[in-house]
Amino acid sequence: MAIPRPSRALALRLAAGLALTLAGAAPVAAQILIGQTASFTGPVASGVKEGTEGARDYIDLINERGGVNGQKIVLMSLDDKFSPKLAAENAQKLIEKGAVALFFNRGTPQSAAIMPVLDKYKVPLIAPSTGAMLLHKPVHPWVFNVRATYQREADRAVRHLRLIGLDRIALLQSDDSFGDDGAAGALAGFEASKLKPVLHQKYSRAKPDFAPIGPMIAKANVQAVVFIGAGTQVVDGMKAIRAAGSHAQIVTLSNNAASGFIKALGPMAHGVVVSQVFPFERSLASPLVKELQELLATRRKGEEATPAMLEGFAAAKVLVEALKRAGKDPTPERIKSALEGFKRVDIGGLEVSYSPSDHTGLDYSDLSIINAEGRFQR
């Protein structure tokens, strides 16, 4: 199934950002330039587009209200095609264009590739859309996380499966830093549950081949699979598992908490469990969700909030608050200092705190299931 295209509004904004880059134009002095490198094409494109829409909607709202300290925020977004090398190159280009902070990138290997660029230019990265532990421990002076870690998600997923009586659980992971990171959390969950995975199998991130893995799952009589991988990889792997005759429960992480993932799964989506790192996107009991839904009602009538959109929205709230506290004409160093001064900053029923020794942000984790209507349910 084709990857969903971005909305017209997002497409126009991305085109404008790319045009500015290609033209080599310098940002207007009265503006605050924020850089984003993320995979707008490739295996995680649907989640990236949804998350960026949530972030841009909030930034647009702030700009319409006069900006931050009288200055408008410009978010320049570049496509890194899910390539770590291109992500690092894009990060450097954005900083050299005058970006005072990088924002909401995607991917564990991509984040690892960007970190030396942050060290070189001393520019903060705010709200990377990854739960990689390498961004949390040891504390990186220029990385400020908002969402919880993949290890916490995977640990909780395994404990939940054991709690509901399942003990024949397999672990599938991509053979990269993201896969290893999530697997570490899952294995901690196995240990806490006094279990061992029935099968622990890695697959190639670059050229995944699930043809031999499906029969392995079926032959081992697996009851559930904790599947750590990018969206299209999980979709292809699940097809192979079902084709082999296995009806094992599939559980995956929040990197796949996007409507595009559900659409790509098609009829197979029903019953898939996806971990979440923000409140239920349809729960008006959450001030954060209510605020996003009210914004969507005025900007994109008829479009529902998604978990990815909510993550981008929350990330943008942290970014804007940091810029406010950094003062007019913010510098990277002032933004960093402002963030490290966060003490229980309320972004809508969730509190974010940082310090020089803690850049973790939130620790929220939950589980959802895709219902028969193709929607996340909790």
Protein backbone atom coordinates (compact mmCIF):
# COMPACT_ATOMS: atom_id res chain seq x y z
CA MET A 1 0.00 0.00 0.00
CA ALA A 2 1.30 3.45 -0.85
CA ILE A 3 2.65 5.67 1.90
CA PRO A 4 0.12 8.48 2.52
CA ARG A 5 1.02 11.82 1.00
CA PRO A 6 1.45 14.86 3.23
CA SER A 7 -1.43 17.30 3.44
CA ARG A 8 -1.43 20.18 0.98
CA ALA A 9 -0.64 22.61 3.80
CA LEU A 10 2.40 20.66 4.96
CA ALA A 11 3.58 20.10 1.40
CA LEU A 12 3.48 23.83 0.72
CA ARG A 13 5.36 24.64 3.92
CA LEU A 14 8.04 22.04 3.20
CA ALA A 15 8.41 23.32 -0.35
CA ALA A 16 8.85 26.83 0.95
CA GLY A 17 11.55 25.70 3.37
CA LEU A 18 13.39 23.75 0.68
CA ALA A 19 13.14 26.66 -1.74
CA LEU A 20 14.72 28.94 0.83
CA THR A 21 17.56 26.47 1.32
CA LEU A 22 18.16 25.91 -2.38
CA ALA A 23 18.13 29.62 -3.08
CA GLY A 24 20.79 30.13 -0.44
CA ALA A 25 18.81 33.00 1.06
CA ALA A 26 19.77 34.10 4.56
CA PRO A 27 17.02 34.15 7.18
CA VAL A 28 15.42 37.51 7.92
CA ALA A 29 17.01 39.12 10.98
CA ALA A 30 13.69 39.42 12.80
CA GLN A 31 13.09 35.69 12.54
CA ILE A 32 14.24 32.76 14.68
CA LEU A 33 15.49 29.95 12.46
CA ILE A 34 14.96 26.40 13.74
CA GLY A 35 16.28 23.45 11.72
CA GLN A 36 14.74 20.02 11.22
CA THR A 37 16.21 17.03 9.41
CA ALA A 38 13.86 14.04 9.23
CA SER A 39 12.72 11.26 6.92
CA PHE A 40 9.91 12.81 4.88
CA THR A 41 10.41 9.90 2.49
CA GLY A 42 11.24 6.30 3.36
CA PRO A 43 10.01 3.72 5.90
CA VAL A 44 8.96 6.18 8.64
CA ALA A 45 7.63 8.97 6.41
CA SER A 46 4.00 8.77 7.54
CA GLY A 47 4.86 9.30 11.21
CA VAL A 48 7.35 12.08 10.39
CA LYS A 49 4.76 13.95 8.33
CA GLU A 50 2.05 13.62 10.97
CA GLY A 51 4.38 14.68 13.77
CA THR A 52 5.68 17.66 11.81
CA GLU A 53 2.12 18.79 11.07
CA GLY A 54 1.38 18.83 14.81
CA ALA A 55 4.53 20.86 15.48
CA ARG A 56 3.96 23.30 12.63
CA ASP A 57 0.35 23.92 13.58
CA TYR A 58 1.46 25.12 17.02
CA ILE A 59 4.34 27.19 15.63
CA ASP A 60 1.99 28.80 13.09
CA LEU A 61 -0.42 29.65 15.91
CA ILE A 62 2.36 31.29 17.93
CA ASN A 63 3.51 33.26 14.88
CA GLU A 64 -0.05 34.48 14.22
CA ARG A 65 -0.10 35.79 17.78
CA GLY A 66 3.05 37.83 17.20
CA GLY A 67 5.75 35.20 17.59
CA VAL A 68 8.16 34.86 20.48
CA ASN A 69 9.45 38.08 22.02
CA GLY A 70 8.29 39.85 18.86
CA GLN A 71 10.08 37.46 16.51
CA LYS A 72 8.54 34.87 14.17
CA ILE A 73 9.74 31.26 14.24
CA VAL A 74 10.82 29.74 10.92
CA LEU A 75 11.05 25.94 10.88
CA MET A 76 13.23 24.85 7.97
CA SER A 77 12.71 21.14 7.25
CA LEU A 78 15.03 18.96 5.16
CA ASP A 79 14.47 15.34 4.08
CA ASP A 80 17.25 12.96 5.16
CA LYS A 81 15.56 9.93 3.53
CA PHE A 82 16.20 7.95 6.77
CA SER A 83 19.95 8.08 6.04
CA PRO A 84 22.25 8.75 9.02
CA LYS A 85 24.88 10.25 6.70
CA LEU A 86 22.39 12.63 5.11
CA ALA A 87 20.95 13.50 8.52
CA ALA A 88 24.38 14.68 9.70
CA GLU A 89 24.94 16.62 6.47
CA ASN A 90 21.54 18.28 6.77
CA ALA A 91 22.18 19.20 10.40
CA GLN A 92 25.41 20.95 9.46
CA LYS A 93 23.73 22.78 6.55
CA LEU A 94 20.92 24.00 8.78
CA ILE A 95 23.30 25.27 11.46
CA GLU A 96 25.45 27.00 8.85
CA LYS A 97 22.25 28.66 7.55
CA GLY A 98 21.83 30.18 11.00
CA ALA A 99 19.62 27.71 12.88
CA VAL A 100 19.91 28.41 16.61
CA ALA A 101 18.50 24.97 17.45
CA LEU A 102 17.72 21.68 15.75
CA PHE A 103 14.32 20.17 16.38
CA PHE A 104 12.29 16.97 16.08
CA ASN A 105 14.59 14.77 14.01
CA ARG A 106 13.75 11.09 13.59
CA GLY A 107 15.65 7.82 14.08
CA THR A 108 18.24 6.34 16.42
CA PRO A 109 21.13 5.93 13.92
CA GLN A 110 20.28 9.36 12.55
CA SER A 111 20.44 10.92 16.02
CA ALA A 112 23.78 9.23 16.68
CA ALA A 113 25.11 10.73 13.44
CA ILE A 114 23.91 14.21 14.41
CA MET A 115 25.45 14.26 17.89
CA PRO A 116 29.02 15.06 16.75
CA VAL A 117 27.59 18.01 14.78
CA LEU A 118 25.95 19.31 17.96
CA ASP A 119 29.27 19.02 19.79
CA LYS A 120 31.14 20.81 17.01
CA TYR A 121 28.78 23.78 16.69
CA LYS A 122 27.40 23.78 20.26
CA VAL A 123 23.78 23.90 19.12
CA PRO A 124 20.92 22.20 21.01
CA LEU A 125 18.72 19.43 19.60
CA ILE A 126 15.23 19.71 21.07
CA ALA A 127 12.71 16.86 21.14
CA PRO A 128 14.32 14.19 18.96
CA SER A 129 11.52 11.84 17.89
CA THR A 130 13.27 8.74 19.16
CA GLY A 131 13.41 7.02 22.52
CA ALA A 132 17.02 5.91 22.12
CA MET A 133 18.84 5.51 25.43
CA LEU A 134 22.02 6.93 23.88
CA LEU A 135 20.30 10.33 23.96
CA HIS A 136 19.61 9.98 27.70
CA LYS A 137 22.62 8.24 29.26
CA PRO A 138 25.18 9.59 29.54
CA VAL A 139 23.57 13.02 29.47
CA HIS A 140 24.52 14.80 26.25
CA PRO A 141 24.95 18.53 26.96
CA TRP A 142 23.15 19.59 23.77
CA VAL A 143 20.30 17.03 23.53
CA PHE A 144 16.97 17.70 25.26
CA ASN A 145 14.50 14.82 25.11
CA VAL A 146 10.76 15.22 25.53
CA ARG A 147 9.37 11.68 25.06
CA ALA A 148 10.09 8.52 27.08
CA THR A 149 12.67 5.89 26.11
CA TYR A 150 12.18 2.85 23.87
CA GLN A 151 13.59 0.68 26.63
CA ARG A 152 10.80 1.70 28.99
CA GLU A 153 8.22 0.96 26.27
CA ALA A 154 9.62 -2.47 25.38
CA ASP A 155 10.04 -3.47 29.03
CA ARG A 156 6.43 -2.58 29.75
CA ALA A 157 5.20 -4.43 26.64
CA VAL A 158 6.79 -7.71 27.73
CA ARG A 159 5.53 -7.36 31.30
CA HIS A 160 2.02 -6.72 29.97
CA LEU A 161 2.09 -9.84 27.78
CA ARG A 162 3.17 -11.94 30.76
CA LEU A 163 0.50 -10.35 32.94
CA ILE A 164 -2.27 -11.45 30.55
CA GLY A 165 -0.96 -15.02 30.60
CA LEU A 166 1.28 -15.24 27.55
CA ASP A 167 4.69 -16.86 28.00
CA ARG A 168 5.74 -17.98 24.51
CA ILE A 169 6.99 -14.60 23.33
CA ALA A 170 9.36 -13.92 20.43
CA LEU A 171 11.55 -10.85 19.95
CA LEU A 172 12.23 -9.50 16.45
CA GLN A 173 14.54 -6.52 15.95
CA SER A 174 16.35 -4.60 13.25
CA ASP A 175 20.13 -5.06 13.25
CA ASP A 176 20.93 -1.43 14.08
CA SER A 177 21.26 0.79 17.15
CA PHE A 178 17.48 1.30 17.32
CA GLY A 179 16.84 -2.45 17.32
CA ASP A 180 19.52 -3.11 19.93
CA ASP A 181 18.21 -0.32 22.14
CA GLY A 182 14.61 -1.53 22.10
CA ALA A 183 15.72 -5.13 22.52
CA ALA A 184 17.63 -4.20 25.69
CA GLY A 185 14.38 -2.95 27.21
CA ALA A 186 12.46 -6.04 26.08
CA LEU A 187 15.10 -8.36 27.54
CA ALA A 188 14.86 -6.49 30.84
CA GLY A 189 11.11 -7.15 30.74
CA PHE A 190 11.74 -10.85 30.06
CA GLU A 191 14.12 -11.04 33.01
CA ALA A 192 11.68 -9.27 35.33
CA SER A 193 8.97 -11.71 34.20
CA LYS A 194 11.28 -14.70 34.73
CA LEU A 195 11.04 -15.62 31.04
CA LYS A 196 13.32 -16.00 28.05
CA PRO A 197 12.26 -15.21 24.49
CA VAL A 198 11.19 -18.31 22.58
CA LEU A 199 12.98 -16.76 19.61
CA HIS A 200 15.22 -13.69 19.37
CA GLN A 201 15.87 -12.87 15.72
CA LYS A 202 17.60 -9.93 14.06
CA TYR A 203 16.89 -8.86 10.48
CA SER A 204 18.76 -6.52 8.14
CA ARG A 205 17.65 -2.90 8.39
CA ALA A 206 19.05 -2.18 4.93
CA LYS A 207 17.60 -5.26 3.17
CA PRO A 208 15.04 -6.95 5.42
CA ASP A 209 14.05 -10.48 4.40
CA PHE A 210 11.19 -11.93 6.43
CA ALA A 211 10.57 -15.01 4.26
CA PRO A 212 12.50 -17.34 6.61
CA ILE A 213 11.31 -15.63 9.81
CA GLY A 214 7.58 -16.21 9.32
CA PRO A 215 7.90 -20.02 9.36
CA MET A 216 10.21 -19.81 12.41
CA ILE A 217 7.47 -17.98 14.34
CA ALA A 218 4.81 -20.46 13.25
CA LYS A 219 6.95 -23.54 14.01
CA ALA A 220 7.83 -22.28 17.50
CA ASN A 221 4.12 -21.88 18.34
CA VAL A 222 4.73 -18.28 19.39
CA GLN A 223 1.86 -16.56 21.20
CA ALA A 224 3.14 -12.99 20.84
CA VAL A 225 5.87 -11.12 18.97
CA VAL A 226 7.54 -7.96 20.26
CA PHE A 227 8.53 -6.39 16.94
CA ILE A 228 11.11 -3.59 17.03
CA GLY A 229 11.45 -1.97 13.63
CA ALA A 230 10.45 0.87 11.31
CA GLY A 231 6.89 0.98 10.00
CA THR A 232 7.30 -0.67 6.61
CA GLN A 233 9.54 -3.35 8.14
CA VAL A 234 6.89 -4.28 10.71
CA VAL A 235 4.21 -4.33 8.00
CA ASP A 236 6.28 -6.64 5.76
CA GLY A 237 7.28 -8.84 8.69
CA MET A 238 3.71 -9.20 9.85
CA LYS A 239 2.64 -10.22 6.34
CA ALA A 240 5.26 -12.99 6.41
CA ILE A 241 4.15 -14.13 9.87
CA ARG A 242 0.50 -14.31 8.85
CA ALA A 243 1.36 -16.02 5.54
CA ALA A 244 3.16 -18.73 7.54
CA GLY A 245 -0.06 -19.44 9.43
CA SER A 246 0.80 -17.79 12.75
CA HIS A 247 -1.83 -15.74 14.57
CA ALA A 248 0.59 -14.46 17.21
CA GLN A 249 -0.22 -11.17 18.91
CA ILE A 250 1.98 -8.42 17.40
CA VAL A 251 3.32 -5.69 19.68
CA THR A 252 5.41 -2.78 18.39
CA LEU A 253 6.78 0.49 19.74
CA SER A 254 5.63 4.11 19.57
CA ASN A 255 7.72 4.88 16.50
CA ASN A 256 4.83 3.21 14.66
CA ALA A 257 2.07 5.16 16.44
CA ALA A 258 0.84 6.83 13.25
CA SER A 259 -2.31 6.58 11.16
CA GLY A 260 -0.12 5.83 8.14
CA PHE A 261 1.09 2.65 9.87
CA ILE A 262 -2.51 1.50 10.36
CA LYS A 263 -3.33 2.22 6.72
CA ALA A 264 -0.26 0.30 5.55
CA LEU A 265 -1.30 -2.74 7.63
CA GLY A 266 -4.77 -2.74 6.09
CA PRO A 267 -7.00 -5.59 7.37
CA MET A 268 -4.11 -6.98 9.45
CA ALA A 269 -4.14 -3.91 11.69
CA HIS A 270 -6.97 -5.07 13.95
CA GLY A 271 -5.57 -6.31 17.25
CA VAL A 272 -2.00 -5.01 16.84
CA VAL A 273 -0.70 -3.47 20.08
CA VAL A 274 1.30 -0.24 19.80
CA SER A 275 3.00 1.39 22.78
CA GLN A 276 2.39 5.10 23.30
CA VAL A 277 4.40 7.86 24.99
CA PHE A 278 1.69 10.53 25.21
CA PRO A 279 -1.91 10.53 26.50
CA PHE A 280 -4.75 9.07 24.44
CA GLU A 281 -5.21 11.42 21.49
CA ARG A 282 -9.02 11.38 21.80
CA SER A 283 -9.20 11.92 25.57
CA LEU A 284 -10.47 15.42 26.34
CA ALA A 285 -9.51 14.80 29.97
CA SER A 286 -5.95 15.64 28.89
CA PRO A 287 -5.43 19.42 28.54
CA LEU A 288 -2.71 18.75 25.95
CA VAL A 289 -5.06 16.67 23.79
CA LYS A 290 -7.93 19.14 24.20
CA GLU A 291 -5.70 22.00 23.05
CA LEU A 292 -4.55 20.08 19.98
CA GLN A 293 -8.09 19.05 19.07
CA GLU A 294 -9.30 22.64 19.34
CA LEU A 295 -6.45 23.75 17.09
CA LEU A 296 -7.23 21.06 14.52
CA ALA A 297 -10.90 22.04 14.51
CA THR A 298 -9.97 25.53 13.32
CA ARG A 299 -7.16 24.58 10.94
CA ARG A 300 -8.00 21.19 9.45
CA LYS A 301 -11.67 20.46 9.99
CA GLY A 302 -12.51 16.78 9.88
CA GLU A 303 -8.93 15.63 10.50
CA GLU A 304 -8.40 13.61 13.67
CA ALA A 305 -5.47 13.91 16.03
CA THR A 306 -2.96 11.05 15.91
CA PRO A 307 -0.32 9.99 18.44
CA ALA A 308 2.44 11.22 16.10
CA MET A 309 0.70 14.57 15.72
CA LEU A 310 0.38 14.88 19.50
CA GLU A 311 4.10 14.20 19.93
CA GLY A 312 4.98 16.95 17.45
CA PHE A 313 2.56 19.34 19.14
CA ALA A 314 4.07 18.66 22.58
CA ALA A 315 7.59 19.01 21.19
CA ALA A 316 6.72 22.41 19.71
CA LYS A 317 5.36 23.59 23.06
CA VAL A 318 8.69 22.76 24.71
CA LEU A 319 10.57 24.53 21.89
CA VAL A 320 8.45 27.69 22.13
CA GLU A 321 8.73 27.87 25.92
CA ALA A 322 12.52 27.57 25.67
CA LEU A 323 12.65 30.37 23.09
CA LYS A 324 10.49 32.61 25.29
CA ARG A 325 12.81 32.12 28.23
CA ALA A 326 15.94 32.63 26.11
CA GLY A 327 14.89 36.21 25.30
CA LYS A 328 15.01 38.22 22.08
CA ASP A 329 17.57 37.16 19.46
CA PRO A 330 18.16 33.82 21.21
CA THR A 331 21.53 32.12 20.89
CA PRO A 332 22.15 28.37 21.15
CA GLU A 333 23.81 28.84 24.54
CA ARG A 334 20.89 30.89 25.91
CA ILE A 335 18.40 28.30 24.66
CA LYS A 336 20.40 25.56 26.39
CA SER A 337 20.46 27.53 29.64
CA ALA A 338 16.74 28.21 29.39
CA LEU A 339 15.98 24.52 28.95
CA GLU A 340 18.18 23.51 31.88
CA GLY A 341 16.13 25.93 33.97
CA PHE A 342 12.86 24.07 33.29
CA LYS A 343 11.27 23.07 36.61
CA ARG A 344 7.95 21.24 36.22
CA VAL A 345 6.94 23.24 33.16
CA ASP A 346 3.32 22.36 32.35
CA ILE A 347 2.76 21.67 28.65
CA GLY A 348 -0.85 20.57 29.10
CA GLY A 349 -1.23 18.24 32.06
CA LEU A 350 2.30 16.88 31.61
CA GLU A 351 5.27 18.46 33.38
CA VAL A 352 8.72 18.74 31.82
CA SER A 353 11.84 19.31 33.92
CA TYR A 354 15.51 19.50 32.97
CA SER A 355 18.76 20.23 34.75
CA PRO A 356 22.44 20.13 33.75
CA SER A 357 22.49 16.48 34.89
CA ASP A 358 19.10 15.39 33.50
CA HIS A 359 17.85 15.96 29.94
CA THR A 360 15.25 13.17 29.95
CA GLY A 361 11.97 15.12 29.91
CA LEU A 362 8.89 12.91 30.21
CA ASP A 363 8.67 9.29 31.37
CA TYR A 364 5.09 8.60 30.24
CA SER A 365 4.37 5.18 28.70
CA ASP A 366 1.13 3.36 27.88
CA LEU A 367 -0.23 0.67 25.54
CA SER A 368 -2.89 0.94 22.84
CA ILE A 369 -4.57 -1.56 20.53
CA ILE A 370 -5.81 -0.98 16.98
CA ASN A 371 -9.56 -1.61 16.92
CA ALA A 372 -11.80 -2.95 14.14
CA GLU A 373 -12.38 0.59 12.85
CA GLY A 374 -8.65 1.11 12.32
CA ARG A 375 -8.14 3.49 15.24
CA PHE A 376 -5.90 3.38 18.29
CA GLN A 377 -7.87 2.42 21.39
CA ARG A 378 -6.88 2.36 25.07
